[in-house]
N, C-alpha and C. Protein backbone atom coordinates (compact mmCIF):
# COMPACT_ATOMS: atom_id res chain seq x y z
N UNK A 1 1.08 -1.03 -0.33
CA UNK A 1 -0.06 -0.10 -0.05
C UNK A 1 0.97 1.30 0.02
N UNK A 2 0.69 2.35 -1.38
CA UNK A 2 1.61 3.52 -1.01
C UNK A 2 0.94 4.07 0.37
N UNK A 3 2.04 5.13 0.41
CA UNK A 3 2.04 5.85 1.40
C UNK A 3 1.05 7.50 0.64
N UNK A 4 0.22 7.90 1.50
CA UNK A 4 -0.72 8.78 1.08
C UNK A 4 0.05 10.37 1.68
N UNK A 5 -0.22 11.32 0.41
CA UNK A 5 1.14 12.18 0.48
C UNK A 5 0.18 13.18 1.45
N UNK A 6 0.60 13.92 2.62
CA UNK A 6 0.20 14.57 3.47
C UNK A 6 -0.36 16.17 3.12
N UNK A 7 0.45 16.55 1.91
CA UNK A 7 0.20 17.55 1.21
C UNK A 7 -0.66 17.67 0.04
N UNK A 8 -1.70 18.67 -0.01
CA UNK A 8 -2.31 18.42 -1.78
C UNK A 8 -1.75 19.02 -2.75
N UNK A 9 -2.10 18.97 -3.92
CA UNK A 9 -1.48 19.21 -5.16
C UNK A 9 -1.60 20.90 -4.82
N UNK A 10 -0.77 21.77 -5.64
CA UNK A 10 -0.92 23.15 -5.18
C UNK A 10 -0.55 23.42 -6.35
N UNK A 11 -1.51 24.98 -6.66
CA UNK A 11 -1.17 25.29 -7.74
C UNK A 11 -0.04 26.39 -8.23
N UNK A 12 0.21 27.13 -9.28
CA UNK A 12 1.82 27.41 -9.24
C UNK A 12 1.33 28.96 -8.21
N UNK A 13 0.25 29.48 -8.16
CA UNK A 13 0.19 30.55 -7.38
C UNK A 13 0.17 30.46 -6.01
N UNK A 14 -0.20 29.02 -5.04
CA UNK A 14 -0.34 28.68 -3.92
C UNK A 14 0.96 28.44 -3.79
N UNK A 15 1.86 27.86 -4.85
CA UNK A 15 3.32 27.68 -4.64
C UNK A 15 4.30 28.85 -4.01
N UNK A 16 3.93 29.67 -4.95
CA UNK A 16 4.58 30.88 -4.89
C UNK A 16 4.27 31.35 -3.87
N UNK A 17 2.99 31.48 -3.06
CA UNK A 17 2.39 32.25 -1.96
C UNK A 17 3.26 31.44 -0.82
N UNK A 18 3.07 30.06 -0.69
CA UNK A 18 3.50 29.48 0.18
C UNK A 18 5.02 29.63 0.71
N UNK A 19 5.61 29.55 -0.79
CA UNK A 19 7.16 29.72 -0.76
C UNK A 19 7.44 31.62 0.02
N UNK A 20 6.58 32.30 -0.28
CA UNK A 20 7.05 33.75 0.37
C UNK A 20 6.62 33.78 1.36
N UNK A 21 5.55 32.94 1.69
CA UNK A 21 5.08 33.33 3.38
C UNK A 21 6.05 32.23 4.26
N UNK A 22 6.84 31.09 3.85
CA UNK A 22 7.80 30.53 4.56
C UNK A 22 9.19 31.49 4.68
N UNK A 23 9.48 32.32 3.53
CA UNK A 23 10.48 33.00 3.50
C UNK A 23 10.47 34.00 4.61
N UNK A 24 9.05 35.03 4.69
CA UNK A 24 8.87 35.59 5.58
C UNK A 24 9.14 35.23 7.18
N UNK A 25 8.95 33.65 7.25
CA UNK A 25 8.74 33.55 8.86
C UNK A 25 10.30 33.00 8.84
N UNK A 26 10.89 32.64 8.23
CA UNK A 26 12.00 32.48 8.37
C UNK A 26 12.94 33.81 8.81
N UNK A 27 12.67 34.95 7.73
CA UNK A 27 13.16 36.24 8.13
C UNK A 27 12.67 37.09 9.72
N UNK A 28 11.86 36.41 10.01
CA UNK A 28 10.85 36.56 11.69
C UNK A 28 11.78 35.80 12.49
N UNK A 29 11.83 34.47 12.28
CA UNK A 29 12.70 33.89 12.73
C UNK A 29 14.33 34.34 13.06
N UNK A 30 14.93 34.89 12.13
CA UNK A 30 16.19 35.34 12.13
C UNK A 30 16.46 36.77 13.24
N UNK A 31 15.05 37.54 13.21
CA UNK A 31 14.89 38.69 14.08
C UNK A 31 14.50 38.53 15.41
N UNK A 32 14.55 37.02 16.16
CA UNK A 32 14.47 36.62 17.17
C UNK A 32 13.26 35.44 17.41
N UNK A 33 13.57 35.14 18.34
CA UNK A 33 12.53 33.54 19.10
C UNK A 33 11.46 34.41 19.60
N UNK A 34 10.98 35.78 19.76
CA UNK A 34 10.22 36.08 20.61
C UNK A 34 9.26 37.06 19.36
N UNK A 35 9.51 36.83 17.93
CA UNK A 35 8.92 37.45 17.22
C UNK A 35 7.43 37.11 17.19
N UNK A 36 6.23 36.67 16.54
CA UNK A 36 5.11 36.47 16.51
C UNK A 36 5.17 35.76 14.77
N UNK A 37 5.12 34.53 14.61
CA UNK A 37 4.97 33.86 13.29
C UNK A 37 3.40 33.67 12.95
N UNK A 38 1.99 33.51 13.85
CA UNK A 38 1.04 33.19 14.28
C UNK A 38 0.38 33.72 12.87
N UNK A 39 0.30 34.83 12.29
CA UNK A 39 -0.10 34.75 11.49
C UNK A 39 0.05 34.63 10.19
N UNK A 40 1.54 34.34 9.56
CA UNK A 40 1.87 33.60 8.31
C UNK A 40 1.46 32.07 8.40
N UNK A 41 1.61 31.60 9.48
CA UNK A 41 1.43 29.99 9.89
C UNK A 41 -0.31 29.87 9.27
N UNK A 42 -1.21 30.61 10.12
CA UNK A 42 -2.56 30.86 9.56
C UNK A 42 -3.16 31.00 8.34
N UNK A 43 -2.16 31.72 7.13
CA UNK A 43 -2.11 32.29 5.96
C UNK A 43 -1.55 30.96 5.11
N UNK A 44 -0.47 30.04 5.29
CA UNK A 44 -0.69 28.75 4.87
C UNK A 44 -1.32 27.97 5.24
N UNK A 45 -1.84 27.89 6.51
CA UNK A 45 -2.75 26.67 6.66
C UNK A 45 -3.73 27.26 5.99
N UNK A 46 -4.62 27.92 5.88
CA UNK A 46 -5.58 28.59 5.05
C UNK A 46 -5.25 27.89 3.46
N UNK A 47 -4.10 28.33 2.85
CA UNK A 47 -3.93 28.04 1.43
C UNK A 47 -3.59 26.39 1.26
N UNK A 48 -3.35 25.69 2.54
CA UNK A 48 -3.37 24.06 2.02
C UNK A 48 -4.95 23.74 2.58
N UNK A 49 -5.45 24.26 3.09
CA UNK A 49 -6.78 23.90 3.41
C UNK A 49 -7.50 24.47 1.99
N UNK A 50 -7.53 25.23 1.43
CA UNK A 50 -8.44 25.58 0.36
C UNK A 50 -7.91 24.66 -0.45
N UNK A 51 -6.73 24.19 -0.82
CA UNK A 51 -6.06 23.13 -1.74
C UNK A 51 -6.57 21.92 -1.73
N UNK A 52 -6.91 21.20 -0.05
CA UNK A 52 -7.58 20.28 -0.20
C UNK A 52 -8.93 20.47 -0.02
N UNK A 53 -9.50 21.10 0.13
CA UNK A 53 -10.72 21.27 -0.63
C UNK A 53 -10.95 20.58 -1.97
N UNK A 54 -10.48 21.46 -2.65
CA UNK A 54 -10.46 21.53 -4.35
C UNK A 54 -10.08 20.30 -4.45
N UNK A 55 -8.92 19.78 -4.19
CA UNK A 55 -8.57 18.08 -4.51
C UNK A 55 -9.72 17.31 -4.22
N UNK A 56 -10.71 17.52 -2.94
CA UNK A 56 -11.70 16.94 -2.72
C UNK A 56 -12.89 16.41 -3.83
N UNK A 57 -12.83 17.49 -4.56
CA UNK A 57 -13.77 17.61 -5.30
C UNK A 57 -13.83 16.96 -6.32
C-alpha cells in the first residue's frame, strides 16, 4: 500500500504564496525567537486547506 501524500497538489500561485510566507517566517526567526509568526502560519494553513477542498471535489 502506497503512503498517502499529506500535502495537496498546489497551483503555481499557491506554491509562490507558500514560498513567500515561509521566507517571511524565516526572516522573522532571524529577527528573534520572541517574534510572532502565527499570522503567517495561519495564511499557509488556509492555502493548504483550500487546496485540500479543491482536491476533494
